[in-house]
Amino acid sequence: MGSDSKDLLHGTLDLLVLRALAGEPMHGFALSKWIDDRTRGDLGIADSALYKALNRLEDAGAVASEWGASENNRRAKYYSLTAKGRKQLRAEVASWKHYVATVNSLIEPG
């Protein structure tokens, strides 16, 4: 897989993570479940890929984290969107919609 393909996969996962966190802060397991529930499991995102995306977004300043207690009273790292992350989400949604429209124009007949 070339670097462009990896960039597309990273960008797609980053977009999903940003979108999930736009609603409320979440810990990794809740985030994974959110994505899985909304995609009916079709994407099958590995936990390692999810945590790499969270680290990448945190390093970029799009996501912040803090430790807290989960629903079952276990220690968990909660992730939330920063102002930079909200701006990035808006830009990535626009870019994604443009990308989808472009690909659809190529695969639809006529």
PDB file of N, CA and C in Angstrom:
ATOM      1  N   MET A   1       0.844  -1.169   0.000  1.00  0.00           N
ATOM      2  CA  MET A   1       0.000   0.000   0.000  1.00  0.00           C
ATOM      3  C   MET A   1       0.890   1.232   0.000  1.00  0.00           C
ATOM      4  N   GLY A   2       0.645   2.163  -0.923  1.00  0.00           N
ATOM      5  CA  GLY A   2       1.455   3.358  -1.030  1.00  0.00           C
ATOM      6  C   GLY A   2       1.152   4.365   0.061  1.00  0.00           C
ATOM      7  N   SER A   3       1.982   5.391   0.145  1.00  0.00           N
ATOM      8  CA  SER A   3       1.794   6.393   1.198  1.00  0.00           C
ATOM      9  C   SER A   3       0.504   7.171   0.999  1.00  0.00           C
ATOM     10  N   ASP A   4       0.067   7.384  -0.258  1.00  0.00           N
ATOM     11  CA  ASP A   4      -1.202   8.074  -0.490  1.00  0.00           C
ATOM     12  C   ASP A   4      -2.361   7.283   0.089  1.00  0.00           C
ATOM     13  N   SER A   5      -2.329   5.961  -0.052  1.00  0.00           N
ATOM     14  CA  SER A   5      -3.372   5.114   0.508  1.00  0.00           C
ATOM     15  C   SER A   5      -3.373   5.186   2.022  1.00  0.00           C
ATOM     16  N   LYS A   6      -2.193   5.170   2.616  1.00  0.00           N
ATOM     17  CA  LYS A   6      -2.097   5.278   4.075  1.00  0.00           C
ATOM     18  C   LYS A   6      -2.616   6.626   4.545  1.00  0.00           C
ATOM     19  N   ASP A   7      -2.299   7.691   3.804  1.00  0.00           N
ATOM     20  CA  ASP A   7      -2.794   9.018   4.162  1.00  0.00           C
ATOM     21  C   ASP A   7      -4.315   9.053   4.110  1.00  0.00           C
ATOM     22  N   LEU A   8      -4.903   8.413   3.100  1.00  0.00           N
ATOM     23  CA  LEU A   8      -6.360   8.373   2.980  1.00  0.00           C
ATOM     24  C   LEU A   8      -6.956   7.609   4.153  1.00  0.00           C
ATOM     25  N   LEU A   9      -6.364   6.467   4.507  1.00  0.00           N
ATOM     26  CA  LEU A   9      -6.868   5.692   5.641  1.00  0.00           C
ATOM     27  C   LEU A   9      -6.721   6.458   6.945  1.00  0.00           C
ATOM     28  N   HIS A  10      -5.555   7.096   7.161  1.00  0.00           N
ATOM     29  CA  HIS A  10      -5.350   7.903   8.366  1.00  0.00           C
ATOM     30  C   HIS A  10      -6.354   9.036   8.414  1.00  0.00           C
ATOM     31  N   GLY A  11      -6.520   9.723   7.292  1.00  0.00           N
ATOM     32  CA  GLY A  11      -7.448  10.850   7.227  1.00  0.00           C
ATOM     33  C   GLY A  11      -8.875  10.434   7.502  1.00  0.00           C
ATOM     34  N   THR A  12      -9.265   9.284   6.992  1.00  0.00           N
ATOM     35  CA  THR A  12     -10.623   8.791   7.218  1.00  0.00           C
ATOM     36  C   THR A  12     -10.830   8.456   8.682  1.00  0.00           C
ATOM     37  N   LEU A  13      -9.904   7.761   9.288  1.00  0.00           N
ATOM     38  CA  LEU A  13     -10.023   7.415  10.700  1.00  0.00           C
ATOM     39  C   LEU A  13      -9.976   8.675  11.558  1.00  0.00           C
ATOM     40  N   ASP A  14      -9.093   9.604  11.226  1.00  0.00           N
ATOM     41  CA  ASP A  14      -9.033  10.859  11.970  1.00  0.00           C
ATOM     42  C   ASP A  14     -10.377  11.588  11.896  1.00  0.00           C
ATOM     43  N   LEU A  15     -10.971  11.622  10.727  1.00  0.00           N
ATOM     44  CA  LEU A  15     -12.275  12.260  10.556  1.00  0.00           C
ATOM     45  C   LEU A  15     -13.328  11.591  11.437  1.00  0.00           C
ATOM     46  N   LEU A  16     -13.354  10.273  11.468  1.00  0.00           N
ATOM     47  CA  LEU A  16     -14.324   9.561  12.297  1.00  0.00           C
ATOM     48  C   LEU A  16     -14.112   9.844  13.782  1.00  0.00           C
ATOM     49  N   VAL A  17     -12.860   9.895  14.204  1.00  0.00           N
ATOM     50  CA  VAL A  17     -12.554  10.183  15.606  1.00  0.00           C
ATOM     51  C   VAL A  17     -12.993  11.603  15.957  1.00  0.00           C
ATOM     52  N   LEU A  18     -12.653  12.563  15.108  1.00  0.00           N
ATOM     53  CA  LEU A  18     -13.060  13.949  15.361  1.00  0.00           C
ATOM     54  C   LEU A  18     -14.574  14.069  15.427  1.00  0.00           C
ATOM     55  N   ARG A  19     -15.261  13.400  14.518  1.00  0.00           N
ATOM     56  CA  ARG A  19     -16.721  13.455  14.502  1.00  0.00           C
ATOM     57  C   ARG A  19     -17.311  12.862  15.770  1.00  0.00           C
ATOM     58  N   ALA A  20     -16.767  11.739  16.204  1.00  0.00           N
ATOM     59  CA  ALA A  20     -17.265  11.100  17.422  1.00  0.00           C
ATOM     60  C   ALA A  20     -17.076  12.011  18.625  1.00  0.00           C
ATOM     61  N   LEU A  21     -15.938  12.660  18.698  1.00  0.00           N
ATOM     62  CA  LEU A  21     -15.643  13.505  19.853  1.00  0.00           C
ATOM     63  C   LEU A  21     -16.358  14.849  19.802  1.00  0.00           C
ATOM     64  N   ALA A  22     -16.964  15.185  18.668  1.00  0.00           N
ATOM     65  CA  ALA A  22     -17.714  16.436  18.565  1.00  0.00           C
ATOM     66  C   ALA A  22     -18.932  16.407  19.486  1.00  0.00           C
ATOM     67  N   GLY A  23     -19.429  15.221  19.778  1.00  0.00           N
ATOM     68  CA  GLY A  23     -20.606  15.102  20.631  1.00  0.00           C
ATOM     69  C   GLY A  23     -20.290  15.227  22.103  1.00  0.00           C
ATOM     70  N   GLU A  24     -19.246  14.539  22.542  1.00  0.00           N
ATOM     71  CA  GLU A  24     -18.872  14.542  23.955  1.00  0.00           C
ATOM     72  C   GLU A  24     -17.512  13.871  24.110  1.00  0.00           C
ATOM     73  N   PRO A  25     -16.828  14.158  25.213  1.00  0.00           N
ATOM     74  CA  PRO A  25     -15.569  13.455  25.472  1.00  0.00           C
ATOM     75  C   PRO A  25     -15.830  11.956  25.634  1.00  0.00           C
ATOM     76  N   MET A  26     -14.891  11.143  25.190  1.00  0.00           N
ATOM     77  CA  MET A  26     -15.024   9.687  25.282  1.00  0.00           C
ATOM     78  C   MET A  26     -13.682   9.059  25.585  1.00  0.00           C
ATOM     79  N   HIS A  27     -13.725   7.900  26.224  1.00  0.00           N
ATOM     80  CA  HIS A  27     -12.511   7.101  26.380  1.00  0.00           C
ATOM     81  C   HIS A  27     -12.409   6.185  25.168  1.00  0.00           C
ATOM     82  N   GLY A  28     -11.258   5.558  25.007  1.00  0.00           N
ATOM     83  CA  GLY A  28     -10.987   4.773  23.801  1.00  0.00           C
ATOM     84  C   GLY A  28     -12.013   3.696  23.502  1.00  0.00           C
ATOM     85  N   PHE A  29     -12.425   2.933  24.524  1.00  0.00           N
ATOM     86  CA  PHE A  29     -13.386   1.859  24.279  1.00  0.00           C
ATOM     87  C   PHE A  29     -14.728   2.422  23.820  1.00  0.00           C
ATOM     88  N   ALA A  30     -15.182   3.501  24.451  1.00  0.00           N
ATOM     89  CA  ALA A  30     -16.458   4.119  24.055  1.00  0.00           C
ATOM     90  C   ALA A  30     -16.368   4.663  22.632  1.00  0.00           C
ATOM     91  N   LEU A  31     -15.225   5.219  22.289  1.00  0.00           N
ATOM     92  CA  LEU A  31     -15.007   5.738  20.945  1.00  0.00           C
ATOM     93  C   LEU A  31     -15.048   4.612  19.918  1.00  0.00           C
ATOM     94  N   SER A  32     -14.388   3.513  20.224  1.00  0.00           N
ATOM     95  CA  SER A  32     -14.397   2.353  19.348  1.00  0.00           C
ATOM     96  C   SER A  32     -15.820   1.824  19.155  1.00  0.00           C
ATOM     97  N   LYS A  33     -16.570   1.764  20.236  1.00  0.00           N
ATOM     98  CA  LYS A  33     -17.955   1.290  20.173  1.00  0.00           C
ATOM     99  C   LYS A  33     -18.816   2.252  19.366  1.00  0.00           C
ATOM    100  N   TRP A  34     -18.610   3.549  19.529  1.00  0.00           N
ATOM    101  CA  TRP A  34     -19.369   4.562  18.783  1.00  0.00           C
ATOM    102  C   TRP A  34     -19.185   4.351  17.283  1.00  0.00           C
ATOM    103  N   ILE A  35     -17.932   4.200  16.857  1.00  0.00           N
ATOM    104  CA  ILE A  35     -17.642   3.997  15.437  1.00  0.00           C
ATOM    105  C   ILE A  35     -18.228   2.666  14.961  1.00  0.00           C
ATOM    106  N   ASP A  36     -18.023   1.622  15.740  1.00  0.00           N
ATOM    107  CA  ASP A  36     -18.523   0.294  15.373  1.00  0.00           C
ATOM    108  C   ASP A  36     -20.050   0.287  15.261  1.00  0.00           C
ATOM    109  N   ASP A  37     -20.732   0.905  16.211  1.00  0.00           N
ATOM    110  CA  ASP A  37     -22.200   0.955  16.185  1.00  0.00           C
ATOM    111  C   ASP A  37     -22.709   1.696  14.955  1.00  0.00           C
ATOM    112  N   ARG A  38     -22.089   2.814  14.636  1.00  0.00           N
ATOM    113  CA  ARG A  38     -22.573   3.628  13.523  1.00  0.00           C
ATOM    114  C   ARG A  38     -22.204   3.067  12.152  1.00  0.00           C
ATOM    115  N   THR A  39     -21.216   2.209  12.099  1.00  0.00           N
ATOM    116  CA  THR A  39     -20.842   1.591  10.819  1.00  0.00           C
ATOM    117  C   THR A  39     -21.310   0.137  10.742  1.00  0.00           C
ATOM    118  N   ARG A  40     -22.056  -0.286  11.760  1.00  0.00           N
ATOM    119  CA  ARG A  40     -22.543  -1.666  11.848  1.00  0.00           C
ATOM    120  C   ARG A  40     -21.382  -2.661  11.731  1.00  0.00           C
ATOM    121  N   GLY A  41     -20.222  -2.252  12.215  1.00  0.00           N
ATOM    122  CA  GLY A  41     -19.048  -3.114  12.211  1.00  0.00           C
ATOM    123  C   GLY A  41     -18.385  -3.270  10.861  1.00  0.00           C
ATOM    124  N   ASP A  42     -18.844  -2.536   9.847  1.00  0.00           N
ATOM    125  CA  ASP A  42     -18.317  -2.702   8.491  1.00  0.00           C
ATOM    126  C   ASP A  42     -16.861  -2.284   8.335  1.00  0.00           C
ATOM    127  N   LEU A  43     -16.374  -1.373   9.175  1.00  0.00           N
ATOM    128  CA  LEU A  43     -15.000  -0.903   9.012  1.00  0.00           C
ATOM    129  C   LEU A  43     -13.983  -1.755   9.745  1.00  0.00           C
ATOM    130  N   GLY A  44     -14.367  -2.379  10.827  1.00  0.00           N
ATOM    131  CA  GLY A  44     -13.460  -3.255  11.562  1.00  0.00           C
ATOM    132  C   GLY A  44     -12.152  -2.585  11.939  1.00  0.00           C
ATOM    133  N   ILE A  45     -12.229  -1.450  12.600  1.00  0.00           N
ATOM    134  CA  ILE A  45     -11.027  -0.693  12.960  1.00  0.00           C
ATOM    135  C   ILE A  45     -10.334  -1.356  14.151  1.00  0.00           C
ATOM    136  N   ALA A  46      -9.070  -1.651  13.979  1.00  0.00           N
ATOM    137  CA  ALA A  46      -8.282  -2.260  15.049  1.00  0.00           C
ATOM    138  C   ALA A  46      -8.035  -1.242  16.156  1.00  0.00           C
ATOM    139  N   ASP A  47      -8.007  -1.723  17.392  1.00  0.00           N
ATOM    140  CA  ASP A  47      -7.745  -0.840  18.528  1.00  0.00           C
ATOM    141  C   ASP A  47      -6.420  -0.103  18.360  1.00  0.00           C
ATOM    142  N   SER A  48      -5.415  -0.796  17.856  1.00  0.00           N
ATOM    143  CA  SER A  48      -4.101  -0.159  17.693  1.00  0.00           C
ATOM    144  C   SER A  48      -4.190   1.022  16.722  1.00  0.00           C
ATOM    145  N   ALA A  49      -4.955   0.889  15.655  1.00  0.00           N
ATOM    146  CA  ALA A  49      -5.117   1.981  14.695  1.00  0.00           C
ATOM    147  C   ALA A  49      -5.862   3.151  15.333  1.00  0.00           C
ATOM    148  N   LEU A  50      -6.867   2.841  16.141  1.00  0.00           N
ATOM    149  CA  LEU A  50      -7.626   3.889  16.817  1.00  0.00           C
ATOM    150  C   LEU A  50      -6.736   4.681  17.766  1.00  0.00           C
ATOM    151  N   TYR A  51      -5.929   3.986  18.558  1.00  0.00           N
ATOM    152  CA  TYR A  51      -5.064   4.683  19.510  1.00  0.00           C
ATOM    153  C   TYR A  51      -3.943   5.446  18.808  1.00  0.00           C
ATOM    154  N   LYS A  52      -3.484   4.954  17.672  1.00  0.00           N
ATOM    155  CA  LYS A  52      -2.508   5.711  16.883  1.00  0.00           C
ATOM    156  C   LYS A  52      -3.139   7.005  16.383  1.00  0.00           C
ATOM    157  N   ALA A  53      -4.401   6.922  15.940  1.00  0.00           N
ATOM    158  CA  ALA A  53      -5.102   8.117  15.475  1.00  0.00           C
ATOM    159  C   ALA A  53      -5.286   9.108  16.624  1.00  0.00           C
ATOM    160  N   LEU A  54      -5.668   8.613  17.791  1.00  0.00           N
ATOM    161  CA  LEU A  54      -5.834   9.493  18.950  1.00  0.00           C
ATOM    162  C   LEU A  54      -4.516  10.172  19.315  1.00  0.00           C
ATOM    163  N   ASN A  55      -3.431   9.427  19.301  1.00  0.00           N
ATOM    164  CA  ASN A  55      -2.114  10.011  19.589  1.00  0.00           C
ATOM    165  C   ASN A  55      -1.719  11.042  18.543  1.00  0.00           C
ATOM    166  N   ARG A  56      -1.980  10.725  17.273  1.00  0.00           N
ATOM    167  CA  ARG A  56      -1.664  11.638  16.176  1.00  0.00           C
ATOM    168  C   ARG A  56      -2.449  12.945  16.337  1.00  0.00           C
ATOM    169  N   LEU A  57      -3.745  12.821  16.650  1.00  0.00           N
ATOM    170  CA  LEU A  57      -4.591  14.004  16.809  1.00  0.00           C
ATOM    171  C   LEU A  57      -4.223  14.803  18.058  1.00  0.00           C
ATOM    172  N   GLU A  58      -3.832  14.099  19.098  1.00  0.00           N
ATOM    173  CA  GLU A  58      -3.415  14.793  20.322  1.00  0.00           C
ATOM    174  C   GLU A  58      -2.104  15.542  20.075  1.00  0.00           C
ATOM    175  N   ASP A  59      -1.165  14.905  19.386  1.00  0.00           N
ATOM    176  CA  ASP A  59       0.113  15.557  19.062  1.00  0.00           C
ATOM    177  C   ASP A  59      -0.103  16.803  18.198  1.00  0.00           C
ATOM    178  N   ALA A  60      -1.133  16.775  17.357  1.00  0.00           N
ATOM    179  CA  ALA A  60      -1.429  17.896  16.472  1.00  0.00           C
ATOM    180  C   ALA A  60      -2.244  18.983  17.168  1.00  0.00           C
ATOM    181  N   GLY A  61      -2.678  18.730  18.392  1.00  0.00           N
ATOM    182  CA  GLY A  61      -3.451  19.718  19.126  1.00  0.00           C
ATOM    183  C   GLY A  61      -4.931  19.724  18.815  1.00  0.00           C
ATOM    184  N   ALA A  62      -5.409  18.736  18.073  1.00  0.00           N
ATOM    185  CA  ALA A  62      -6.824  18.651  17.728  1.00  0.00           C
ATOM    186  C   ALA A  62      -7.650  17.984  18.821  1.00  0.00           C
ATOM    187  N   VAL A  63      -6.973  17.218  19.653  1.00  0.00           N
ATOM    188  CA  VAL A  63      -7.620  16.461  20.730  1.00  0.00           C
ATOM    189  C   VAL A  63      -6.817  16.676  22.012  1.00  0.00           C
ATOM    190  N   ALA A  64      -7.534  16.794  23.111  1.00  0.00           N
ATOM    191  CA  ALA A  64      -6.902  16.871  24.431  1.00  0.00           C
ATOM    192  C   ALA A  64      -7.350  15.645  25.223  1.00  0.00           C
ATOM    193  N   SER A  65      -6.591  15.289  26.248  1.00  0.00           N
ATOM    194  CA  SER A  65      -6.973  14.121  27.044  1.00  0.00           C
ATOM    195  C   SER A  65      -6.787  14.405  28.527  1.00  0.00           C
ATOM    196  N   GLU A  66      -7.551  13.668  29.321  1.00  0.00           N
ATOM    197  CA  GLU A  66      -7.389  13.700  30.765  1.00  0.00           C
ATOM    198  C   GLU A  66      -7.900  12.380  31.331  1.00  0.00           C
ATOM    199  N   TRP A  67      -7.349  12.014  32.465  1.00  0.00           N
ATOM    200  CA  TRP A  67      -7.726  10.761  33.102  1.00  0.00           C
ATOM    201  C   TRP A  67      -8.987  10.947  33.928  1.00  0.00           C
ATOM    202  N   GLY A  68      -9.831   9.922  33.905  1.00  0.00           N
ATOM    203  CA  GLY A  68     -11.059   9.935  34.685  1.00  0.00           C
ATOM    204  C   GLY A  68     -11.513   8.509  34.941  1.00  0.00           C
ATOM    205  N   ALA A  69     -12.693   8.378  35.511  1.00  0.00           N
ATOM    206  CA  ALA A  69     -13.267   7.062  35.796  1.00  0.00           C
ATOM    207  C   ALA A  69     -14.287   6.714  34.710  1.00  0.00           C
ATOM    208  N   SER A  70     -14.229   5.480  34.229  1.00  0.00           N
ATOM    209  CA  SER A  70     -15.181   5.017  33.216  1.00  0.00           C
ATOM    210  C   SER A  70     -16.510   4.662  33.873  1.00  0.00           C
ATOM    211  N   GLU A  71     -17.450   4.225  33.059  1.00  0.00           N
ATOM    212  CA  GLU A  71     -18.777   3.855  33.537  1.00  0.00           C
ATOM    213  C   GLU A  71     -18.720   2.738  34.575  1.00  0.00           C
ATOM    214  N   ASN A  72     -17.751   1.852  34.446  1.00  0.00           N
ATOM    215  CA  ASN A  72     -17.611   0.749  35.412  1.00  0.00           C
ATOM    216  C   ASN A  72     -16.535   1.050  36.461  1.00  0.00           C
ATOM    217  N   ASN A  73     -16.273   2.348  36.635  1.00  0.00           N
ATOM    218  CA  ASN A  73     -15.376   2.847  37.682  1.00  0.00           C
ATOM    219  C   ASN A  73     -13.919   2.416  37.511  1.00  0.00           C
ATOM    220  N   ARG A  74     -13.499   2.232  36.263  1.00  0.00           N
ATOM    221  CA  ARG A  74     -12.092   1.950  35.974  1.00  0.00           C
ATOM    222  C   ARG A  74     -11.427   3.222  35.488  1.00  0.00           C
ATOM    223  N   ARG A  75     -10.139   3.299  35.715  1.00  0.00           N
ATOM    224  CA  ARG A  75      -9.379   4.457  35.241  1.00  0.00           C
ATOM    225  C   ARG A  75      -9.330   4.429  33.713  1.00  0.00           C
ATOM    226  N   ALA A  76      -9.671   5.561  33.095  1.00  0.00           N
ATOM    227  CA  ALA A  76      -9.700   5.635  31.633  1.00  0.00           C
ATOM    228  C   ALA A  76      -9.247   7.019  31.186  1.00  0.00           C
ATOM    229  N   LYS A  77      -8.627   7.063  30.028  1.00  0.00           N
ATOM    230  CA  LYS A  77      -8.195   8.324  29.451  1.00  0.00           C
ATOM    231  C   LYS A  77      -9.316   8.838  28.561  1.00  0.00           C
ATOM    232  N   TYR A  78      -9.836  10.006  28.882  1.00  0.00           N
ATOM    233  CA  TYR A  78     -10.922  10.619  28.103  1.00  0.00           C
ATOM    234  C   TYR A  78     -10.349  11.629  27.125  1.00  0.00           C
ATOM    235  N   TYR A  79     -10.853  11.578  25.912  1.00  0.00           N
ATOM    236  CA  TYR A  79     -10.408  12.467  24.846  1.00  0.00           C
ATOM    237  C   TYR A  79     -11.519  13.446  24.517  1.00  0.00           C
ATOM    238  N   SER A  80     -11.136  14.688  24.248  1.00  0.00           N
ATOM    239  CA  SER A  80     -12.116  15.701  23.869  1.00  0.00           C
ATOM    240  C   SER A  80     -11.544  16.551  22.737  1.00  0.00           C
ATOM    241  N   LEU A  81     -12.443  17.171  22.005  1.00  0.00           N
ATOM    242  CA  LEU A  81     -12.063  18.020  20.887  1.00  0.00           C
ATOM    243  C   LEU A  81     -11.616  19.383  21.403  1.00  0.00           C
ATOM    244  N   THR A  82     -10.569  19.907  20.833  1.00  0.00           N
ATOM    245  CA  THR A  82     -10.122  21.269  21.131  1.00  0.00           C
ATOM    246  C   THR A  82     -10.731  22.207  20.094  1.00  0.00           C
ATOM    247  N   ALA A  83     -10.538  23.497  20.261  1.00  0.00           N
ATOM    248  CA  ALA A  83     -11.001  24.456  19.252  1.00  0.00           C
ATOM    249  C   ALA A  83     -10.335  24.155  17.902  1.00  0.00           C
ATOM    250  N   LYS A  84      -9.052  23.816  17.951  1.00  0.00           N
ATOM    251  CA  LYS A  84      -8.339  23.453  16.716  1.00  0.00           C
ATOM    252  C   LYS A  84      -8.959  22.195  16.095  1.00  0.00           C
ATOM    253  N   GLY A  85      -9.361  21.256  16.931  1.00  0.00           N
ATOM    254  CA  GLY A  85      -9.996  20.036  16.442  1.00  0.00           C
ATOM    255  C   GLY A  85     -11.344  20.301  15.795  1.00  0.00           C
ATOM    256  N   ARG A  86     -12.116  21.222  16.360  1.00  0.00           N
ATOM    257  CA  ARG A  86     -13.414  21.580  15.755  1.00  0.00           C
ATOM    258  C   ARG A  86     -13.210  22.206  14.379  1.00  0.00           C
ATOM    259  N   LYS A  87     -12.211  23.062  14.272  1.00  0.00           N
ATOM    260  CA  LYS A  87     -11.891  23.681  12.979  1.00  0.00           C
ATOM    261  C   LYS A  87     -11.428  22.610  11.993  1.00  0.00           C
ATOM    262  N   GLN A  88     -10.585  21.693  12.452  1.00  0.00           N
ATOM    263  CA  GLN A  88     -10.105  20.607  11.597  1.00  0.00           C
ATOM    264  C   GLN A  88     -11.265  19.723  11.154  1.00  0.00           C
ATOM    265  N   LEU A  89     -12.205  19.452  12.050  1.00  0.00           N
ATOM    266  CA  LEU A  89     -13.364  18.634  11.703  1.00  0.00           C
ATOM    267  C   LEU A  89     -14.165  19.289  10.579  1.00  0.00           C
ATOM    268  N   ARG A  90     -14.425  20.579  10.694  1.00  0.00           N
ATOM    269  CA  ARG A  90     -15.177  21.279   9.636  1.00  0.00           C
ATOM    270  C   ARG A  90     -14.448  21.175   8.296  1.00  0.00           C
ATOM    271  N   ALA A  91     -13.141  21.386   8.316  1.00  0.00           N
ATOM    272  CA  ALA A  91     -12.353  21.329   7.073  1.00  0.00           C
ATOM    273  C   ALA A  91     -12.341  19.913   6.501  1.00  0.00           C
ATOM    274  N   GLU A  92     -12.195  18.910   7.366  1.00  0.00           N
ATOM    275  CA  GLU A  92     -12.129  17.530   6.881  1.00  0.00           C
ATOM    276  C   GLU A  92     -13.483  17.035   6.370  1.00  0.00           C
ATOM    277  N   VAL A  93     -14.577  17.482   6.973  1.00  0.00           N
ATOM    278  CA  VAL A  93     -15.906  17.110   6.476  1.00  0.00           C
ATOM    279  C   VAL A  93     -16.105  17.686   5.076  1.00  0.00           C
ATOM    280  N   ALA A  94     -15.741  18.952   4.897  1.00  0.00           N
ATOM    281  CA  ALA A  94     -15.865  19.576   3.568  1.00  0.00           C
ATOM    282  C   ALA A  94     -15.006  18.852   2.545  1.00  0.00           C
ATOM    283  N   SER A  95     -13.784  18.517   2.925  1.00  0.00           N
ATOM    284  CA  SER A  95     -12.880  17.807   2.028  1.00  0.00           C
ATOM    285  C   SER A  95     -13.427  16.415   1.689  1.00  0.00           C
ATOM    286  N   TRP A  96     -13.945  15.722   2.695  1.00  0.00           N
ATOM    287  CA  TRP A  96     -14.504  14.386   2.479  1.00  0.00           C
ATOM    288  C   TRP A  96     -15.696  14.435   1.526  1.00  0.00           C
ATOM    289  N   LYS A  97     -16.586  15.390   1.723  1.00  0.00           N
ATOM    290  CA  LYS A  97     -17.761  15.515   0.846  1.00  0.00           C
ATOM    291  C   LYS A  97     -17.335  15.786  -0.589  1.00  0.00           C
ATOM    292  N   HIS A  98     -16.318  16.615  -0.764  1.00  0.00           N
ATOM    293  CA  HIS A  98     -15.804  16.896  -2.107  1.00  0.00           C
ATOM    294  C   HIS A  98     -15.204  15.630  -2.727  1.00  0.00           C
ATOM    295  N   TYR A  99     -14.439  14.896  -1.936  1.00  0.00           N
ATOM    296  CA  TYR A  99     -13.818  13.654  -2.393  1.00  0.00           C
ATOM    297  C   TYR A  99     -14.888  12.649  -2.836  1.00  0.00           C
ATOM    298  N   VAL A 100     -15.912  12.458  -2.010  1.00  0.00           N
ATOM    299  CA  VAL A 100     -16.984  11.505  -2.319  1.00  0.00           C
ATOM    300  C   VAL A 100     -17.723  11.931  -3.587  1.00  0.00           C
ATOM    301  N   ALA A 101     -18.025  13.212  -3.717  1.00  0.00           N
ATOM    302  CA  ALA A 101     -18.719  13.691  -4.909  1.00  0.00           C
ATOM    303  C   ALA A 101     -17.876  13.461  -6.161  1.00  0.00           C
ATOM    304  N   THR A 102     -16.580  13.679  -6.045  1.00  0.00           N
ATOM    305  CA  THR A 102     -15.686  13.474  -7.193  1.00  0.00           C
ATOM    306  C   THR A 102     -15.647  12.000  -7.585  1.00  0.00           C
ATOM    307  N   VAL A 103     -15.486  11.114  -6.622  1.00  0.00           N
ATOM    308  CA  VAL A 103     -15.440   9.688  -6.934  1.00  0.00           C
ATOM    309  C   VAL A 103     -16.789   9.230  -7.487  1.00  0.00           C
ATOM    310  N   ASN A 104     -17.879   9.683  -6.884  1.00  0.00           N
ATOM    311  CA  ASN A 104     -19.207   9.315  -7.390  1.00  0.00           C
ATOM    312  C   ASN A 104     -19.401   9.756  -8.836  1.00  0.00           C
ATOM    313  N   SER A 105     -18.878  10.918  -9.194  1.00  0.00           N
ATOM    314  CA  SER A 105     -19.027  11.394 -10.565  1.00  0.00           C
ATOM    315  C   SER A 105     -18.275  10.500 -11.544  1.00  0.00           C
ATOM    316  N   LEU A 106     -17.269   9.806 -11.065  1.00  0.00           N
ATOM    317  CA  LEU A 106     -16.501   8.913 -11.927  1.00  0.00           C
ATOM    318  C   LEU A 106     -17.110   7.532 -12.050  1.00  0.00           C
ATOM    319  N   ILE A 107     -17.775   7.069 -11.004  1.00  0.00           N
ATOM    320  CA  ILE A 107     -18.290   5.693 -11.032  1.00  0.00           C
ATOM    321  C   ILE A 107     -19.746   5.595 -11.441  1.00  0.00           C
ATOM    322  N   GLU A 108     -20.482   6.684 -11.371  1.00  0.00           N
ATOM    323  CA  GLU A 108     -21.875   6.660 -11.794  1.00  0.00           C
ATOM    324  C   GLU A 108     -21.929   6.716 -13.331  1.00  0.00           C
ATOM    325  N   PRO A 109     -22.814   5.913 -13.920  1.00  0.00           N
ATOM    326  CA  PRO A 109     -22.912   5.942 -15.389  1.00  0.00           C
ATOM    327  C   PRO A 109     -23.480   7.265 -15.886  1.00  0.00           C
ATOM    328  N   GLY A 110     -22.985   7.646 -17.075  1.00  0.00           N
ATOM    329  CA  GLY A 110     -23.528   8.805 -17.793  1.00  0.00           C
ATOM    330  C   GLY A 110     -23.100  10.082 -17.254  1.00  0.00           C
TER     331      GLY A 110
END
